Structure formats: C-alpha cells, structure tokens
Amino acid sequence: MACKAVPVPRRHARIVVRSGNTGHSQTEIAEAERRLEEARKEAKTVEANGDAQHKAAAWDNVEELAAAVSHMKAAAKADLLSDPLEQFCDENPDADECRVYDD
C-alpha cells in the first residue's frame, strides 16, 4: 500500500500595527450626528422661549457638537486613507492578504 502525500494548507496570520485609534466607527459618527440634531432642535425651542443666557448656551452646545462630528469624520477619513491594506481588505475580504486565522 503506497502512501499518498496530502498537501496541508499553510496558515498565515495577519497582524496590523497602528499607532493609535484615531478613527471612529460609522456607528459612533451616526450617534454623534443624532445628538447634534437633538441639540439643534432643543436650541430652536430655547430660541423661541428662553432668555438670552439660555439661548447662548444652547447654541454653544450645538457649535461644540458640530465641531466634534466634523473632527470625527476627518479622523475616520484620515484613518482609512492612512492604511492601504485596510482599505483593500474592506473591498476584498476574501483576498489571501486579508484572511485572518485563529491559532
């Protein structure tokens, strides 16, 4: 009886090293945009019914949330653009370079 050689698939692990988590997920950005929209509605209500001090505080809150959303989007875009392998793997998850194996 002859022995038959059976090829064994090689396992490659993908390791991604990042300097920090600067990007934000789409879920986080959507939640921040929802909070911004709520703050705008509240500011419009205060605008109609509140005194000058409350109006200023409400619109200041809107301005801060708008800046936060803008920064989150910019960080997410910069993070996506900074790692071409991540972008490639998002578009081609079945590619050999993108496979992840658990040991």
PDB file of N, CA and C in Angstrom:
ATOM      1  N   MET A   1       0.843  -1.175   0.000  1.00  0.00           N
ATOM      2  CA  MET A   1       0.000   0.000   0.000  1.00  0.00           C
ATOM      3  C   MET A   1       0.892   1.244   0.000  1.00  0.00           C
ATOM      4  N   ALA A   2       0.700   2.094  -0.968  1.00  0.00           N
ATOM      5  CA  ALA A   2       1.519   3.296  -1.118  1.00  0.00           C
ATOM      6  C   ALA A   2       0.904   4.446  -0.335  1.00  0.00           C
ATOM      7  N   CYS A   3       1.770   5.252   0.224  1.00  0.00           N
ATOM      8  CA  CYS A   3       1.307   6.446   0.947  1.00  0.00           C
ATOM      9  C   CYS A   3       1.101   7.579  -0.052  1.00  0.00           C
ATOM     10  N   LYS A   4       0.051   8.302   0.170  1.00  0.00           N
ATOM     11  CA  LYS A   4      -0.261   9.421  -0.716  1.00  0.00           C
ATOM     12  C   LYS A   4      -0.002  10.725   0.040  1.00  0.00           C
ATOM     13  N   ALA A   5       0.747  11.599  -0.552  1.00  0.00           N
ATOM     14  CA  ALA A   5       1.031  12.893   0.075  1.00  0.00           C
ATOM     15  C   ALA A   5      -0.189  13.796  -0.064  1.00  0.00           C
ATOM     16  N   VAL A   6      -0.578  14.355   1.039  1.00  0.00           N
ATOM     17  CA  VAL A   6      -1.722  15.265   1.053  1.00  0.00           C
ATOM     18  C   VAL A   6      -1.204  16.659   1.382  1.00  0.00           C
ATOM     19  N   PRO A   7      -1.458  17.629   0.521  1.00  0.00           N
ATOM     20  CA  PRO A   7      -0.982  18.984   0.822  1.00  0.00           C
ATOM     21  C   PRO A   7      -1.716  19.558   2.033  1.00  0.00           C
ATOM     22  N   VAL A   8      -0.955  20.186   2.883  1.00  0.00           N
ATOM     23  CA  VAL A   8      -1.512  20.826   4.073  1.00  0.00           C
ATOM     24  C   VAL A   8      -1.502  22.329   3.831  1.00  0.00           C
ATOM     25  N   PRO A   9      -2.666  22.961   3.946  1.00  0.00           N
ATOM     26  CA  PRO A   9      -2.693  24.410   3.710  1.00  0.00           C
ATOM     27  C   PRO A   9      -1.881  25.148   4.770  1.00  0.00           C
ATOM     28  N   ARG A  10      -1.148  26.123   4.317  1.00  0.00           N
ATOM     29  CA  ARG A  10      -0.370  26.940   5.247  1.00  0.00           C
ATOM     30  C   ARG A  10      -1.266  28.001   5.856  1.00  0.00           C
ATOM     31  N   ARG A  11      -1.021  28.274   7.085  1.00  0.00           N
ATOM     32  CA  ARG A  11      -1.808  29.287   7.788  1.00  0.00           C
ATOM     33  C   ARG A  11      -0.957  30.541   7.949  1.00  0.00           C
ATOM     34  N   HIS A  12      -1.510  31.634   7.503  1.00  0.00           N
ATOM     35  CA  HIS A  12      -0.821  32.920   7.616  1.00  0.00           C
ATOM     36  C   HIS A  12      -1.656  33.819   8.512  1.00  0.00           C
ATOM     37  N   ALA A  13      -1.005  34.431   9.437  1.00  0.00           N
ATOM     38  CA  ALA A  13      -1.707  35.366  10.316  1.00  0.00           C
ATOM     39  C   ALA A  13      -1.488  36.782   9.806  1.00  0.00           C
ATOM     40  N   ARG A  14      -2.503  37.584   9.934  1.00  0.00           N
ATOM     41  CA  ARG A  14      -2.392  38.987   9.547  1.00  0.00           C
ATOM     42  C   ARG A  14      -2.255  39.799  10.822  1.00  0.00           C
ATOM     43  N   ILE A  15      -1.232  40.590  10.890  1.00  0.00           N
ATOM     44  CA  ILE A  15      -1.003  41.437  12.048  1.00  0.00           C
ATOM     45  C   ILE A  15      -1.044  42.876  11.567  1.00  0.00           C
ATOM     46  N   VAL A  16      -1.852  43.665  12.226  1.00  0.00           N
ATOM     47  CA  VAL A  16      -1.966  45.072  11.882  1.00  0.00           C
ATOM     48  C   VAL A  16      -1.477  45.872  13.078  1.00  0.00           C
ATOM     49  N   VAL A  17      -0.521  46.743  12.847  1.00  0.00           N
ATOM     50  CA  VAL A  17       0.016  47.579  13.904  1.00  0.00           C
ATOM     51  C   VAL A  17      -0.393  49.008  13.609  1.00  0.00           C
ATOM     52  N   ARG A  18      -0.995  49.632  14.598  1.00  0.00           N
ATOM     53  CA  ARG A  18      -1.415  51.023  14.442  1.00  0.00           C
ATOM     54  C   ARG A  18      -0.833  51.844  15.571  1.00  0.00           C
ATOM     55  N   SER A  19      -0.630  53.099  15.291  1.00  0.00           N
ATOM     56  CA  SER A  19      -0.069  53.972  16.314  1.00  0.00           C
ATOM     57  C   SER A  19      -1.108  54.401  17.328  1.00  0.00           C
ATOM     58  N   GLY A  20      -2.355  54.301  16.991  1.00  0.00           N
ATOM     59  CA  GLY A  20      -3.410  54.697  17.906  1.00  0.00           C
ATOM     60  C   GLY A  20      -4.744  54.607  17.218  1.00  0.00           C
ATOM     61  N   ASN A  21      -5.805  54.646  17.986  1.00  0.00           N
ATOM     62  CA  ASN A  21      -7.142  54.567  17.415  1.00  0.00           C
ATOM     63  C   ASN A  21      -7.664  55.973  17.192  1.00  0.00           C
ATOM     64  N   THR A  22      -7.329  56.542  16.049  1.00  0.00           N
ATOM     65  CA  THR A  22      -7.759  57.906  15.753  1.00  0.00           C
ATOM     66  C   THR A  22      -9.090  57.935  15.033  1.00  0.00           C
ATOM     67  N   GLY A  23      -9.421  56.854  14.365  1.00  0.00           N
ATOM     68  CA  GLY A  23     -10.656  56.807  13.600  1.00  0.00           C
ATOM     69  C   GLY A  23     -11.852  56.464  14.463  1.00  0.00           C
ATOM     70  N   HIS A  24     -13.009  56.757  13.964  1.00  0.00           N
ATOM     71  CA  HIS A  24     -14.252  56.462  14.658  1.00  0.00           C
ATOM     72  C   HIS A  24     -15.110  55.611  13.750  1.00  0.00           C
ATOM     73  N   SER A  25     -15.842  54.708  14.368  1.00  0.00           N
ATOM     74  CA  SER A  25     -16.716  53.847  13.578  1.00  0.00           C
ATOM     75  C   SER A  25     -17.903  54.649  13.054  1.00  0.00           C
ATOM     76  N   GLN A  26     -18.534  54.103  12.031  1.00  0.00           N
ATOM     77  CA  GLN A  26     -19.715  54.757  11.466  1.00  0.00           C
ATOM     78  C   GLN A  26     -20.824  54.848  12.505  1.00  0.00           C
ATOM     79  N   THR A  27     -20.888  53.879  13.406  1.00  0.00           N
ATOM     80  CA  THR A  27     -21.904  53.896  14.461  1.00  0.00           C
ATOM     81  C   THR A  27     -21.678  55.072  15.400  1.00  0.00           C
ATOM     82  N   GLU A  28     -20.425  55.298  15.776  1.00  0.00           N
ATOM     83  CA  GLU A  28     -20.105  56.426  16.656  1.00  0.00           C
ATOM     84  C   GLU A  28     -20.424  57.756  15.976  1.00  0.00           C
ATOM     85  N   ILE A  29     -20.096  57.862  14.710  1.00  0.00           N
ATOM     86  CA  ILE A  29     -20.370  59.097  13.972  1.00  0.00           C
ATOM     87  C   ILE A  29     -21.872  59.318  13.849  1.00  0.00           C
ATOM     88  N   ALA A  30     -22.622  58.256  13.554  1.00  0.00           N
ATOM     89  CA  ALA A  30     -24.083  58.379  13.438  1.00  0.00           C
ATOM     90  C   ALA A  30     -24.698  58.800  14.766  1.00  0.00           C
ATOM     91  N   GLU A  31     -24.200  58.259  15.863  1.00  0.00           N
ATOM     92  CA  GLU A  31     -24.709  58.632  17.191  1.00  0.00           C
ATOM     93  C   GLU A  31     -24.403  60.103  17.483  1.00  0.00           C
ATOM     94  N   ALA A  32     -23.213  60.555  17.134  1.00  0.00           N
ATOM     95  CA  ALA A  32     -22.853  61.959  17.345  1.00  0.00           C
ATOM     96  C   ALA A  32     -23.724  62.875  16.488  1.00  0.00           C
ATOM     97  N   GLU A  33     -24.009  62.469  15.257  1.00  0.00           N
ATOM     98  CA  GLU A  33     -24.886  63.268  14.394  1.00  0.00           C
ATOM     99  C   GLU A  33     -26.306  63.315  14.951  1.00  0.00           C
ATOM    100  N   ARG A  34     -26.768  62.220  15.536  1.00  0.00           N
ATOM    101  CA  ARG A  34     -28.100  62.193  16.149  1.00  0.00           C
ATOM    102  C   ARG A  34     -28.152  63.163  17.338  1.00  0.00           C
ATOM    103  N   ARG A  35     -27.096  63.148  18.172  1.00  0.00           N
ATOM    104  CA  ARG A  35     -27.045  64.078  19.309  1.00  0.00           C
ATOM    105  C   ARG A  35     -27.003  65.522  18.825  1.00  0.00           C
ATOM    106  N   LEU A  36     -26.292  65.780  17.727  1.00  0.00           N
ATOM    107  CA  LEU A  36     -26.225  67.126  17.154  1.00  0.00           C
ATOM    108  C   LEU A  36     -27.603  67.582  16.706  1.00  0.00           C
ATOM    109  N   GLU A  37     -28.335  66.707  16.038  1.00  0.00           N
ATOM    110  CA  GLU A  37     -29.680  67.064  15.566  1.00  0.00           C
ATOM    111  C   GLU A  37     -30.614  67.348  16.745  1.00  0.00           C
ATOM    112  N   GLU A  38     -30.502  66.551  17.812  1.00  0.00           N
ATOM    113  CA  GLU A  38     -31.314  66.802  19.013  1.00  0.00           C
ATOM    114  C   GLU A  38     -30.955  68.147  19.633  1.00  0.00           C
ATOM    115  N   ALA A  39     -29.663  68.469  19.663  1.00  0.00           N
ATOM    116  CA  ALA A  39     -29.224  69.746  20.228  1.00  0.00           C
ATOM    117  C   ALA A  39     -29.745  70.913  19.392  1.00  0.00           C
ATOM    118  N   ARG A  40     -29.778  70.753  18.072  1.00  0.00           N
ATOM    119  CA  ARG A  40     -30.328  71.812  17.206  1.00  0.00           C
ATOM    120  C   ARG A  40     -31.805  72.040  17.497  1.00  0.00           C
ATOM    121  N   LYS A  41     -32.564  70.951  17.632  1.00  0.00           N
ATOM    122  CA  LYS A  41     -33.995  71.080  17.932  1.00  0.00           C
ATOM    123  C   LYS A  41     -34.201  71.771  19.273  1.00  0.00           C
ATOM    124  N   GLU A  42     -33.395  71.376  20.261  1.00  0.00           N
ATOM    125  CA  GLU A  42     -33.507  71.992  21.584  1.00  0.00           C
ATOM    126  C   GLU A  42     -33.142  73.473  21.525  1.00  0.00           C
ATOM    127  N   ALA A  43     -32.105  73.812  20.760  1.00  0.00           N
ATOM    128  CA  ALA A  43     -31.691  75.209  20.647  1.00  0.00           C
ATOM    129  C   ALA A  43     -32.775  76.053  19.980  1.00  0.00           C
ATOM    130  N   LYS A  44     -33.462  75.484  18.988  1.00  0.00           N
ATOM    131  CA  LYS A  44     -34.555  76.215  18.341  1.00  0.00           C
ATOM    132  C   LYS A  44     -35.711  76.436  19.303  1.00  0.00           C
ATOM    133  N   THR A  45     -35.966  75.451  20.166  1.00  0.00           N
ATOM    134  CA  THR A  45     -37.018  75.604  21.176  1.00  0.00           C
ATOM    135  C   THR A  45     -36.635  76.687  22.176  1.00  0.00           C
ATOM    136  N   VAL A  46     -35.377  76.660  22.630  1.00  0.00           N
ATOM    137  CA  VAL A  46     -34.897  77.671  23.577  1.00  0.00           C
ATOM    138  C   VAL A  46     -34.900  79.043  22.917  1.00  0.00           C
ATOM    139  N   GLU A  47     -34.579  79.092  21.641  1.00  0.00           N
ATOM    140  CA  GLU A  47     -34.578  80.358  20.896  1.00  0.00           C
ATOM    141  C   GLU A  47     -35.952  81.020  20.956  1.00  0.00           C
ATOM    142  N   ALA A  48     -36.992  80.219  20.859  1.00  0.00           N
ATOM    143  CA  ALA A  48     -38.354  80.759  20.862  1.00  0.00           C
ATOM    144  C   ALA A  48     -38.842  81.110  22.262  1.00  0.00           C
ATOM    145  N   ASN A  49     -38.346  80.393  23.277  1.00  0.00           N
ATOM    146  CA  ASN A  49     -38.933  80.548  24.616  1.00  0.00           C
ATOM    147  C   ASN A  49     -37.968  80.998  25.702  1.00  0.00           C
ATOM    148  N   GLY A  50     -36.672  80.980  25.464  1.00  0.00           N
ATOM    149  CA  GLY A  50     -35.724  81.223  26.543  1.00  0.00           C
ATOM    150  C   GLY A  50     -35.181  82.631  26.584  1.00  0.00           C
ATOM    151  N   ASP A  51     -34.413  82.880  27.652  1.00  0.00           N
ATOM    152  CA  ASP A  51     -33.751  84.178  27.770  1.00  0.00           C
ATOM    153  C   ASP A  51     -32.405  84.122  27.035  1.00  0.00           C
ATOM    154  N   ALA A  52     -31.731  85.245  26.980  1.00  0.00           N
ATOM    155  CA  ALA A  52     -30.504  85.363  26.191  1.00  0.00           C
ATOM    156  C   ALA A  52     -29.414  84.409  26.669  1.00  0.00           C
ATOM    157  N   GLN A  53     -29.307  84.228  27.974  1.00  0.00           N
ATOM    158  CA  GLN A  53     -28.266  83.363  28.518  1.00  0.00           C
ATOM    159  C   GLN A  53     -28.491  81.900  28.109  1.00  0.00           C
ATOM    160  N   HIS A  54     -29.742  81.446  28.182  1.00  0.00           N
ATOM    161  CA  HIS A  54     -30.058  80.070  27.794  1.00  0.00           C
ATOM    162  C   HIS A  54     -29.898  79.868  26.282  1.00  0.00           C
ATOM    163  N   LYS A  55     -30.253  80.896  25.511  1.00  0.00           N
ATOM    164  CA  LYS A  55     -30.080  80.810  24.055  1.00  0.00           C
ATOM    165  C   LYS A  55     -28.608  80.628  23.700  1.00  0.00           C
ATOM    166  N   ALA A  56     -27.761  81.442  24.318  1.00  0.00           N
ATOM    167  CA  ALA A  56     -26.325  81.370  24.035  1.00  0.00           C
ATOM    168  C   ALA A  56     -25.762  80.001  24.412  1.00  0.00           C
ATOM    169  N   ALA A  57     -26.188  79.478  25.550  1.00  0.00           N
ATOM    170  CA  ALA A  57     -25.699  78.170  25.995  1.00  0.00           C
ATOM    171  C   ALA A  57     -26.158  77.059  25.053  1.00  0.00           C
ATOM    172  N   ALA A  58     -27.401  77.123  24.608  1.00  0.00           N
ATOM    173  CA  ALA A  58     -27.931  76.089  23.717  1.00  0.00           C
ATOM    174  C   ALA A  58     -27.199  76.092  22.378  1.00  0.00           C
ATOM    175  N   TRP A  59     -26.984  77.277  21.804  1.00  0.00           N
ATOM    176  CA  TRP A  59     -26.295  77.339  20.509  1.00  0.00           C
ATOM    177  C   TRP A  59     -24.804  77.036  20.646  1.00  0.00           C
ATOM    178  N   ASP A  60     -24.233  77.328  21.803  1.00  0.00           N
ATOM    179  CA  ASP A  60     -22.840  76.959  22.057  1.00  0.00           C
ATOM    180  C   ASP A  60     -22.702  75.434  22.066  1.00  0.00           C
ATOM    181  N   ASN A  61     -23.677  74.760  22.660  1.00  0.00           N
ATOM    182  CA  ASN A  61     -23.692  73.298  22.672  1.00  0.00           C
ATOM    183  C   ASN A  61     -23.773  72.749  21.246  1.00  0.00           C
ATOM    184  N   VAL A  62     -24.619  73.350  20.422  1.00  0.00           N
ATOM    185  CA  VAL A  62     -24.744  72.928  19.020  1.00  0.00           C
ATOM    186  C   VAL A  62     -23.405  73.107  18.301  1.00  0.00           C
ATOM    187  N   GLU A  63     -22.767  74.235  18.525  1.00  0.00           N
ATOM    188  CA  GLU A  63     -21.486  74.509  17.868  1.00  0.00           C
ATOM    189  C   GLU A  63     -20.419  73.491  18.277  1.00  0.00           C
ATOM    190  N   GLU A  64     -20.365  73.151  19.564  1.00  0.00           N
ATOM    191  CA  GLU A  64     -19.387  72.174  20.041  1.00  0.00           C
ATOM    192  C   GLU A  64     -19.653  70.789  19.458  1.00  0.00           C
ATOM    193  N   LEU A  65     -20.914  70.383  19.405  1.00  0.00           N
ATOM    194  CA  LEU A  65     -21.249  69.076  18.838  1.00  0.00           C
ATOM    195  C   LEU A  65     -20.944  69.025  17.341  1.00  0.00           C
ATOM    196  N   ALA A  66     -21.216  70.122  16.636  1.00  0.00           N
ATOM    197  CA  ALA A  66     -20.922  70.168  15.201  1.00  0.00           C
ATOM    198  C   ALA A  66     -19.415  70.032  14.958  1.00  0.00           C
ATOM    199  N   ALA A  67     -18.619  70.684  15.781  1.00  0.00           N
ATOM    200  CA  ALA A  67     -17.165  70.569  15.652  1.00  0.00           C
ATOM    201  C   ALA A  67     -16.707  69.142  15.953  1.00  0.00           C
ATOM    202  N   ALA A  68     -17.302  68.523  16.962  1.00  0.00           N
ATOM    203  CA  ALA A  68     -16.936  67.149  17.311  1.00  0.00           C
ATOM    204  C   ALA A  68     -17.257  66.187  16.169  1.00  0.00           C
ATOM    205  N   VAL A  69     -18.426  66.340  15.564  1.00  0.00           N
ATOM    206  CA  VAL A  69     -18.806  65.482  14.434  1.00  0.00           C
ATOM    207  C   VAL A  69     -17.835  65.690  13.274  1.00  0.00           C
ATOM    208  N   SER A  70     -17.502  66.923  13.005  1.00  0.00           N
ATOM    209  CA  SER A  70     -16.566  67.227  11.921  1.00  0.00           C
ATOM    210  C   SER A  70     -15.206  66.583  12.169  1.00  0.00           C
ATOM    211  N   HIS A  71     -14.723  66.677  13.398  1.00  0.00           N
ATOM    212  CA  HIS A  71     -13.433  66.080  13.732  1.00  0.00           C
ATOM    213  C   HIS A  71     -13.484  64.556  13.654  1.00  0.00           C
ATOM    214  N   MET A  72     -14.602  63.965  14.078  1.00  0.00           N
ATOM    215  CA  MET A  72     -14.744  62.505  14.000  1.00  0.00           C
ATOM    216  C   MET A  72     -14.698  62.035  12.548  1.00  0.00           C
ATOM    217  N   LYS A  73     -15.393  62.751  11.672  1.00  0.00           N
ATOM    218  CA  LYS A  73     -15.402  62.381  10.252  1.00  0.00           C
ATOM    219  C   LYS A  73     -14.010  62.527   9.640  1.00  0.00           C
ATOM    220  N   ALA A  74     -13.324  63.606   9.983  1.00  0.00           N
ATOM    221  CA  ALA A  74     -11.977  63.825   9.446  1.00  0.00           C
ATOM    222  C   ALA A  74     -11.017  62.742   9.933  1.00  0.00           C
ATOM    223  N   ALA A  75     -11.125  62.371  11.213  1.00  0.00           N
ATOM    224  CA  ALA A  75     -10.251  61.332  11.757  1.00  0.00           C
ATOM    225  C   ALA A  75     -10.541  59.985  11.113  1.00  0.00           C
ATOM    226  N   ALA A  76     -11.815  59.679  10.892  1.00  0.00           N
ATOM    227  CA  ALA A  76     -12.180  58.412  10.257  1.00  0.00           C
ATOM    228  C   ALA A  76     -11.659  58.367   8.825  1.00  0.00           C
ATOM    229  N   LYS A  77     -11.775  59.478   8.118  1.00  0.00           N
ATOM    230  CA  LYS A  77     -11.293  59.533   6.734  1.00  0.00           C
ATOM    231  C   LYS A  77      -9.770  59.413   6.694  1.00  0.00           C
ATOM    232  N   ALA A  78      -9.080  60.109   7.580  1.00  0.00           N
ATOM    233  CA  ALA A  78      -7.620  60.047   7.621  1.00  0.00           C
ATOM    234  C   ALA A  78      -7.158  58.643   7.976  1.00  0.00           C
ATOM    235  N   ASP A  79      -7.865  57.986   8.887  1.00  0.00           N
ATOM    236  CA  ASP A  79      -7.501  56.631   9.290  1.00  0.00           C
ATOM    237  C   ASP A  79      -7.675  55.669   8.124  1.00  0.00           C
ATOM    238  N   LEU A  80      -8.750  55.824   7.377  1.00  0.00           N
ATOM    239  CA  LEU A  80      -8.995  54.961   6.221  1.00  0.00           C
ATOM    240  C   LEU A  80      -7.934  55.160   5.153  1.00  0.00           C
ATOM    241  N   LEU A  81      -7.575  56.406   4.934  1.00  0.00           N
ATOM    242  CA  LEU A  81      -6.611  56.711   3.884  1.00  0.00           C
ATOM    243  C   LEU A  81      -5.185  56.351   4.274  1.00  0.00           C
ATOM    244  N   SER A  82      -4.908  56.253   5.574  1.00  0.00           N
ATOM    245  CA  SER A  82      -3.542  56.024   6.009  1.00  0.00           C
ATOM    246  C   SER A  82      -3.116  54.568   5.904  1.00  0.00           C
ATOM    247  N   ASP A  83      -4.028  53.626   5.807  1.00  0.00           N
ATOM    248  CA  ASP A  83      -3.672  52.212   5.750  1.00  0.00           C
ATOM    249  C   ASP A  83      -4.248  51.576   4.490  1.00  0.00           C
ATOM    250  N   PRO A  84      -3.468  51.514   3.430  1.00  0.00           N
ATOM    251  CA  PRO A  84      -3.984  50.981   2.174  1.00  0.00           C
ATOM    252  C   PRO A  84      -4.396  49.520   2.274  1.00  0.00           C
ATOM    253  N   LEU A  85      -3.732  48.732   3.135  1.00  0.00           N
ATOM    254  CA  LEU A  85      -4.116  47.329   3.283  1.00  0.00           C
ATOM    255  C   LEU A  85      -5.513  47.213   3.878  1.00  0.00           C
ATOM    256  N   GLU A  86      -5.818  48.041   4.856  1.00  0.00           N
ATOM    257  CA  GLU A  86      -7.158  48.021   5.444  1.00  0.00           C
ATOM    258  C   GLU A  86      -8.212  48.381   4.404  1.00  0.00           C
ATOM    259  N   GLN A  87      -7.929  49.378   3.607  1.00  0.00           N
ATOM    260  CA  GLN A  87      -8.871  49.779   2.565  1.00  0.00           C
ATOM    261  C   GLN A  87      -9.048  48.651   1.551  1.00  0.00           C
ATOM    262  N   PHE A  88      -7.941  48.017   1.157  1.00  0.00           N
ATOM    263  CA  PHE A  88      -8.006  46.897   0.221  1.00  0.00           C
ATOM    264  C   PHE A  88      -8.830  45.755   0.809  1.00  0.00           C
ATOM    265  N   CYS A  89      -8.600  45.446   2.078  1.00  0.00           N
ATOM    266  CA  CYS A  89      -9.309  44.332   2.718  1.00  0.00           C
ATOM    267  C   CYS A  89     -10.788  44.641   2.930  1.00  0.00           C
ATOM    268  N   ASP A  90     -11.126  45.900   3.121  1.00  0.00           N
ATOM    269  CA  ASP A  90     -12.542  46.264   3.209  1.00  0.00           C
ATOM    270  C   ASP A  90     -13.247  45.981   1.890  1.00  0.00           C
ATOM    271  N   GLU A  91     -12.539  46.206   0.791  1.00  0.00           N
ATOM    272  CA  GLU A  91     -13.121  45.997  -0.532  1.00  0.00           C
ATOM    273  C   GLU A  91     -13.002  44.547  -1.004  1.00  0.00           C
ATOM    274  N   ASN A  92     -12.005  43.819  -0.486  1.00  0.00           N
ATOM    275  CA  ASN A  92     -11.736  42.438  -0.922  1.00  0.00           C
ATOM    276  C   ASN A  92     -11.509  41.531   0.288  1.00  0.00           C
ATOM    277  N   PRO A  93     -12.519  41.261   1.086  1.00  0.00           N
ATOM    278  CA  PRO A  93     -12.307  40.494   2.322  1.00  0.00           C
ATOM    279  C   PRO A  93     -11.845  39.057   2.098  1.00  0.00           C
ATOM    280  N   ASP A  94     -12.056  38.494   0.913  1.00  0.00           N
ATOM    281  CA  ASP A  94     -11.661  37.111   0.654  1.00  0.00           C
ATOM    282  C   ASP A  94     -10.257  36.983   0.067  1.00  0.00           C
ATOM    283  N   ALA A  95      -9.574  38.077  -0.125  1.00  0.00           N
ATOM    284  CA  ALA A  95      -8.219  38.028  -0.681  1.00  0.00           C
ATOM    285  C   ALA A  95      -7.274  37.356   0.316  1.00  0.00           C
ATOM    286  N   ASP A  96      -6.252  36.686  -0.196  1.00  0.00           N
ATOM    287  CA  ASP A  96      -5.294  35.991   0.669  1.00  0.00           C
ATOM    288  C   ASP A  96      -4.651  36.934   1.684  1.00  0.00           C
ATOM    289  N   GLU A  97      -4.378  38.158   1.254  1.00  0.00           N
ATOM    290  CA  GLU A  97      -3.733  39.120   2.143  1.00  0.00           C
ATOM    291  C   GLU A  97      -4.621  39.522   3.316  1.00  0.00           C
ATOM    292  N   CYS A  98      -5.920  39.255   3.211  1.00  0.00           N
ATOM    293  CA  CYS A  98      -6.877  39.739   4.203  1.00  0.00           C
ATOM    294  C   CYS A  98      -7.419  38.637   5.111  1.00  0.00           C
ATOM    295  N   ARG A  99      -6.998  37.430   4.886  1.00  0.00           N
ATOM    296  CA  ARG A  99      -7.512  36.325   5.702  1.00  0.00           C
ATOM    297  C   ARG A  99      -6.939  36.401   7.105  1.00  0.00           C
ATOM    298  N   VAL A 100      -7.774  36.089   8.070  1.00  0.00           N
ATOM    299  CA  VAL A 100      -7.375  36.093   9.472  1.00  0.00           C
ATOM    300  C   VAL A 100      -7.621  34.701  10.020  1.00  0.00           C
ATOM    301  N   TYR A 101      -6.600  34.123  10.622  1.00  0.00           N
ATOM    302  CA  TYR A 101      -6.707  32.779  11.187  1.00  0.00           C
ATOM    303  C   TYR A 101      -6.527  32.843  12.694  1.00  0.00           C
ATOM    304  N   ASP A 102      -7.301  32.054  13.392  1.00  0.00           N
ATOM    305  CA  ASP A 102      -7.136  31.931  14.837  1.00  0.00           C
ATOM    306  C   ASP A 102      -6.225  30.751  15.111  1.00  0.00           C
ATOM    307  N   ASP A 103      -5.241  30.942  15.952  1.00  0.00           N
ATOM    308  CA  ASP A 103      -4.328  29.840  16.286  1.00  0.00           C
ATOM    309  C   ASP A 103      -4.865  29.018  17.422  1.00  0.00           C
TER     310      ASP A 103
END
